[in-house]
């Protein structure tokens, strides 16, 4: 199975012109790389433009950074999995720590996962511990608790992707050492028999390959590095060589 590399652009870039330049640069830079599947998750409003003009190339897949759990209705400001499916998206990031910090609960995440699976999309569930929890050696306890609550009554785990993103590593440059990350991977593998497991948190072109080759993760969730096309292309290239 090809490693899966997911680019989470978060609330970037600021204009459609910048987003187009970034997307086109990445598309051209990875078009000859066959051993890795690359997914771009831009802000919602850029999705249609990307899909309408470039999705036919099949070089890149598209995903969303979030969604709502209802199919339709009076939910101002929300976007449903059905809408994303119709647009041509394949993946949806769910439960990112930045959204959890804004008040998203396990119950909300659970509803979103079930809705995404029902729409035949692939959810990328983000889990991770804080620095305090890590220092108190509660990482495994925290991750197990998150999975149990987020996945209550979720039956179809074969289409589920789980991204281990230690909260203390996101956007800090303080990445989790691959040797330490592998221990978490082995723990998660016992729970998630058939799910893809990704690593995320200050991933860059220098450490990316180690998470796949040495720590056995089946891919990566990339934040800041995905906004620099040259850096992101180097990252994908290095993973393809593993």
Protein backbone atom coordinates (compact mmCIF):
# COMPACT_ATOMS: atom_id res chain seq x y z
CA UNK A 1 0.00 0.00 0.00
CA UNK A 2 1.26 3.47 -0.89
CA UNK A 3 2.10 5.85 1.96
CA UNK A 4 -0.60 8.51 2.30
CA UNK A 5 0.56 12.10 2.71
CA UNK A 6 -2.15 14.58 3.67
CA UNK A 7 -1.50 18.32 3.46
CA UNK A 8 -3.58 20.32 5.94
CA UNK A 9 -3.40 23.94 4.81
CA UNK A 10 -5.58 25.10 7.72
CA UNK A 11 -6.70 28.73 7.16
CA UNK A 12 -4.12 29.40 4.43
CA UNK A 13 -3.33 30.93 1.91
CA UNK A 14 -5.19 34.22 2.10
CA UNK A 15 -6.19 34.53 -1.56
CA UNK A 16 -7.38 32.21 -4.30
CA UNK A 17 -4.49 33.32 -6.51
CA UNK A 18 -1.97 32.22 -3.85
CA UNK A 19 -3.84 28.95 -3.32
CA UNK A 20 -3.80 28.24 -7.04
CA UNK A 21 -0.06 28.89 -7.26
CA UNK A 22 0.62 26.58 -4.32
CA UNK A 23 -1.65 23.83 -5.62
CA UNK A 24 -0.21 24.02 -9.13
CA UNK A 25 3.38 23.96 -7.86
CA UNK A 26 2.72 20.86 -5.78
CA UNK A 27 0.83 19.17 -8.61
CA UNK A 28 3.69 19.72 -11.04
CA UNK A 29 6.30 18.75 -8.48
CA UNK A 30 4.81 15.37 -7.57
CA UNK A 31 3.29 14.36 -10.93
CA UNK A 32 6.01 11.79 -11.62
CA UNK A 33 6.00 10.31 -8.11
CA UNK A 34 3.95 7.11 -8.25
CA UNK A 35 4.78 5.51 -4.90
CA UNK A 36 2.94 7.99 -2.69
CA UNK A 37 -0.69 9.18 -2.61
CA UNK A 38 -0.93 12.90 -1.93
CA UNK A 39 -4.07 14.57 -0.56
CA UNK A 40 -4.55 18.33 -0.32
CA UNK A 41 -6.98 19.68 2.29
CA UNK A 42 -7.44 23.40 1.59
CA UNK A 43 -9.99 25.80 3.10
CA UNK A 44 -13.55 25.01 1.96
CA UNK A 45 -13.88 27.90 -0.49
CA UNK A 46 -10.90 26.74 -2.60
CA UNK A 47 -12.16 23.19 -3.06
CA UNK A 48 -14.48 23.85 -5.99
CA UNK A 49 -11.84 25.71 -7.97
CA UNK A 50 -9.28 22.95 -7.47
CA UNK A 51 -11.69 20.16 -8.27
CA UNK A 52 -13.21 21.81 -11.33
CA UNK A 53 -9.85 22.53 -12.97
CA UNK A 54 -7.36 19.91 -11.82
CA UNK A 55 -9.00 16.85 -10.34
CA UNK A 56 -9.18 15.16 -13.73
CA UNK A 57 -5.41 14.77 -13.66
CA UNK A 58 -5.73 12.39 -10.66
CA UNK A 59 -2.27 13.49 -9.55
CA UNK A 60 -3.65 14.85 -6.30
CA UNK A 61 -6.66 13.87 -4.23
CA UNK A 62 -8.76 16.45 -2.40
CA UNK A 63 -10.02 16.46 1.15
CA UNK A 64 -11.83 18.83 3.52
CA UNK A 65 -10.64 20.05 6.91
CA UNK A 66 -13.96 19.44 8.64
CA UNK A 67 -17.68 18.89 8.04
CA UNK A 68 -21.02 18.84 9.84
CA UNK A 69 -22.86 15.66 10.82
CA UNK A 70 -26.23 16.36 9.21
CA UNK A 71 -26.91 15.76 5.53
CA UNK A 72 -28.94 18.93 5.04
CA UNK A 73 -31.12 21.42 6.91
CA UNK A 74 -31.17 24.70 8.82
CA UNK A 75 -27.54 24.68 9.96
CA UNK A 76 -26.15 28.09 9.05
CA UNK A 77 -22.49 28.10 8.09
CA UNK A 78 -22.09 24.31 8.00
CA UNK A 79 -20.98 21.98 5.18
CA UNK A 80 -22.32 18.42 4.95
CA UNK A 81 -20.44 15.25 3.93
CA UNK A 82 -22.98 14.85 1.11
CA UNK A 83 -21.96 18.22 -0.33
CA UNK A 84 -18.29 17.27 -0.13
CA UNK A 85 -18.94 13.91 -1.77
CA UNK A 86 -20.87 15.55 -4.62
CA UNK A 87 -18.03 18.01 -5.12
CA UNK A 88 -15.53 15.19 -5.54
CA UNK A 89 -13.75 15.09 -2.18
CA UNK A 90 -12.35 11.77 -0.97
CA UNK A 91 -11.21 12.56 2.57
CA UNK A 92 -12.32 14.63 5.57
CA UNK A 93 -10.16 15.58 8.57
CA UNK A 94 -12.14 15.12 11.79
CA UNK A 95 -11.32 16.04 15.39
CA UNK A 96 -8.16 18.06 14.85
CA UNK A 97 -6.79 19.28 18.18
CA UNK A 98 -7.27 22.88 17.07
CA UNK A 99 -11.00 22.22 16.72
CA UNK A 100 -11.13 20.28 19.99
CA UNK A 101 -9.54 23.32 21.66
CA UNK A 102 -12.41 25.45 20.33
CA UNK A 103 -14.96 23.24 22.04
CA UNK A 104 -15.55 20.31 19.72
CA UNK A 105 -16.58 17.35 21.89
CA UNK A 106 -16.14 13.60 21.50
CA UNK A 107 -19.88 13.34 20.85
CA UNK A 108 -19.67 15.84 17.98
CA UNK A 109 -16.64 14.07 16.53
CA UNK A 110 -18.43 10.74 16.77
CA UNK A 111 -21.41 12.10 14.83
CA UNK A 112 -19.12 13.52 12.16
CA UNK A 113 -17.24 10.26 11.70
CA UNK A 114 -20.46 8.30 11.25
CA UNK A 115 -21.80 10.88 8.80
CA UNK A 116 -18.59 10.84 6.77
CA UNK A 117 -18.57 7.05 6.56
CA UNK A 118 -22.24 7.05 5.58
CA UNK A 119 -21.38 9.38 2.69
CA UNK A 120 -18.66 6.93 1.55
CA UNK A 121 -15.88 9.36 2.33
CA UNK A 122 -12.76 8.52 4.33
CA UNK A 123 -12.46 10.23 7.73
CA UNK A 124 -9.02 11.15 9.03
CA UNK A 125 -9.47 11.14 12.81
CA UNK A 126 -6.88 13.17 14.71
CA UNK A 127 -5.86 12.13 18.22
CA UNK A 128 -3.04 13.22 20.49
CA UNK A 129 -1.89 14.10 23.97
CA UNK A 130 -0.77 17.41 25.49
CA UNK A 131 2.72 18.09 26.82
CA UNK A 132 1.41 17.79 30.38
CA UNK A 133 -0.16 14.41 29.65
CA UNK A 134 3.04 13.24 28.00
CA UNK A 135 5.17 14.26 31.00
CA UNK A 136 2.78 12.44 33.29
CA UNK A 137 3.16 9.34 31.07
CA UNK A 138 -0.54 9.27 30.24
CA UNK A 139 -0.20 9.19 26.44
CA UNK A 140 -1.63 5.69 25.97
CA UNK A 141 -4.45 6.30 28.43
CA UNK A 142 -5.41 9.56 26.69
CA UNK A 143 -5.32 8.07 23.19
CA UNK A 144 -7.35 5.03 24.21
CA UNK A 145 -9.94 7.26 25.86
CA UNK A 146 -10.19 9.48 22.79
CA UNK A 147 -10.64 6.50 20.48
CA UNK A 148 -13.26 4.86 22.68
CA UNK A 149 -15.36 8.03 22.84
CA UNK A 150 -14.81 9.20 19.25
CA UNK A 151 -15.61 5.78 17.80
CA UNK A 152 -18.61 4.76 19.94
CA UNK A 153 -20.96 2.70 17.72
CA UNK A 154 -18.73 3.21 14.68
CA UNK A 155 -18.88 -0.09 12.84
CA UNK A 156 -16.85 0.44 9.66
CA UNK A 157 -13.23 0.83 10.71
CA UNK A 158 -11.71 -0.39 7.44
CA UNK A 159 -12.25 3.05 5.86
CA UNK A 160 -11.04 4.91 8.92
CA UNK A 161 -7.69 6.71 8.96
CA UNK A 162 -6.24 7.75 12.31
CA UNK A 163 -3.61 10.48 12.57
CA UNK A 164 -1.53 10.52 15.74
CA UNK A 165 -0.71 14.19 16.25
CA UNK A 166 0.78 14.93 19.67
CA UNK A 167 -0.62 18.34 20.56
CA UNK A 168 2.74 19.50 21.90
CA UNK A 169 4.38 18.87 18.50
CA UNK A 170 1.90 20.70 16.26
CA UNK A 171 3.43 23.87 14.81
CA UNK A 172 6.19 23.96 17.41
CA UNK A 173 9.09 22.43 15.49
CA UNK A 174 9.40 20.04 18.43
CA UNK A 175 8.55 16.81 16.62
CA UNK A 176 8.08 13.48 18.36
CA UNK A 177 11.25 11.37 17.89
CA UNK A 178 10.50 8.46 15.51
CA UNK A 179 11.64 5.94 18.13
CA UNK A 180 9.11 7.32 20.62
CA UNK A 181 6.44 7.64 17.93
CA UNK A 182 6.87 3.98 16.98
CA UNK A 183 5.89 2.91 20.50
CA UNK A 184 2.66 4.84 20.07
CA UNK A 185 2.14 3.30 16.63
CA UNK A 186 2.48 -0.24 18.02
CA UNK A 187 0.02 0.60 20.79
CA UNK A 188 -2.50 2.01 18.31
CA UNK A 189 -2.07 -0.93 15.94
CA UNK A 190 -3.31 -3.31 18.64
CA UNK A 191 -6.52 -1.28 18.88
CA UNK A 192 -6.92 -0.35 15.21
CA UNK A 193 -6.46 -3.63 13.40
CA UNK A 194 -7.44 -2.53 9.89
CA UNK A 195 -7.10 1.25 9.94
CA UNK A 196 -4.37 3.32 8.35
CA UNK A 197 -2.30 5.13 10.98
CA UNK A 198 -0.54 8.40 10.13
CA UNK A 199 1.86 10.61 12.08
CA UNK A 200 1.53 14.39 12.27
CA UNK A 201 3.23 17.16 14.23
CA UNK A 202 6.13 19.30 12.93
CA UNK A 203 6.76 16.94 10.02
CA UNK A 204 9.35 18.19 7.52
CA UNK A 205 11.44 16.87 4.64
CA UNK A 206 14.25 15.86 7.02
CA UNK A 207 12.22 13.65 9.38
CA UNK A 208 9.30 12.51 7.18
CA UNK A 209 10.86 9.34 5.80
CA UNK A 210 11.84 8.13 9.29
CA UNK A 211 8.20 8.02 10.41
CA UNK A 212 7.38 5.71 7.52
CA UNK A 213 10.57 3.65 7.32
CA UNK A 214 11.61 3.42 10.98
CA UNK A 215 8.38 4.02 12.92
CA UNK A 216 6.13 2.08 10.48
CA UNK A 217 3.46 4.75 10.07
CA UNK A 218 1.52 4.37 6.83
CA UNK A 219 1.63 8.04 6.03
CA UNK A 220 1.77 11.58 7.34
CA UNK A 221 -0.48 14.53 8.14
CA UNK A 222 1.52 17.63 7.27
CA UNK A 223 0.73 21.18 8.41
CA UNK A 224 3.18 24.06 8.01
CA UNK A 225 5.54 22.26 5.63
CA UNK A 226 2.70 21.77 3.15
CA UNK A 227 2.49 25.55 2.60
CA UNK A 228 6.02 25.67 1.17
CA UNK A 229 5.84 23.90 -2.20
CA UNK A 230 9.57 23.17 -2.47
CA UNK A 231 9.70 21.78 1.08
CA UNK A 232 6.54 19.72 0.60
CA UNK A 233 7.76 18.27 -2.71
CA UNK A 234 11.05 17.29 -1.04
CA UNK A 235 9.06 15.68 1.75
CA UNK A 236 6.96 13.62 -0.67
CA UNK A 237 10.07 12.68 -2.68
CA UNK A 238 11.90 11.47 0.42
CA UNK A 239 8.96 9.34 1.54
CA UNK A 240 8.68 7.85 -1.96
CA UNK A 241 12.28 6.62 -1.64
CA UNK A 242 11.54 4.54 1.48
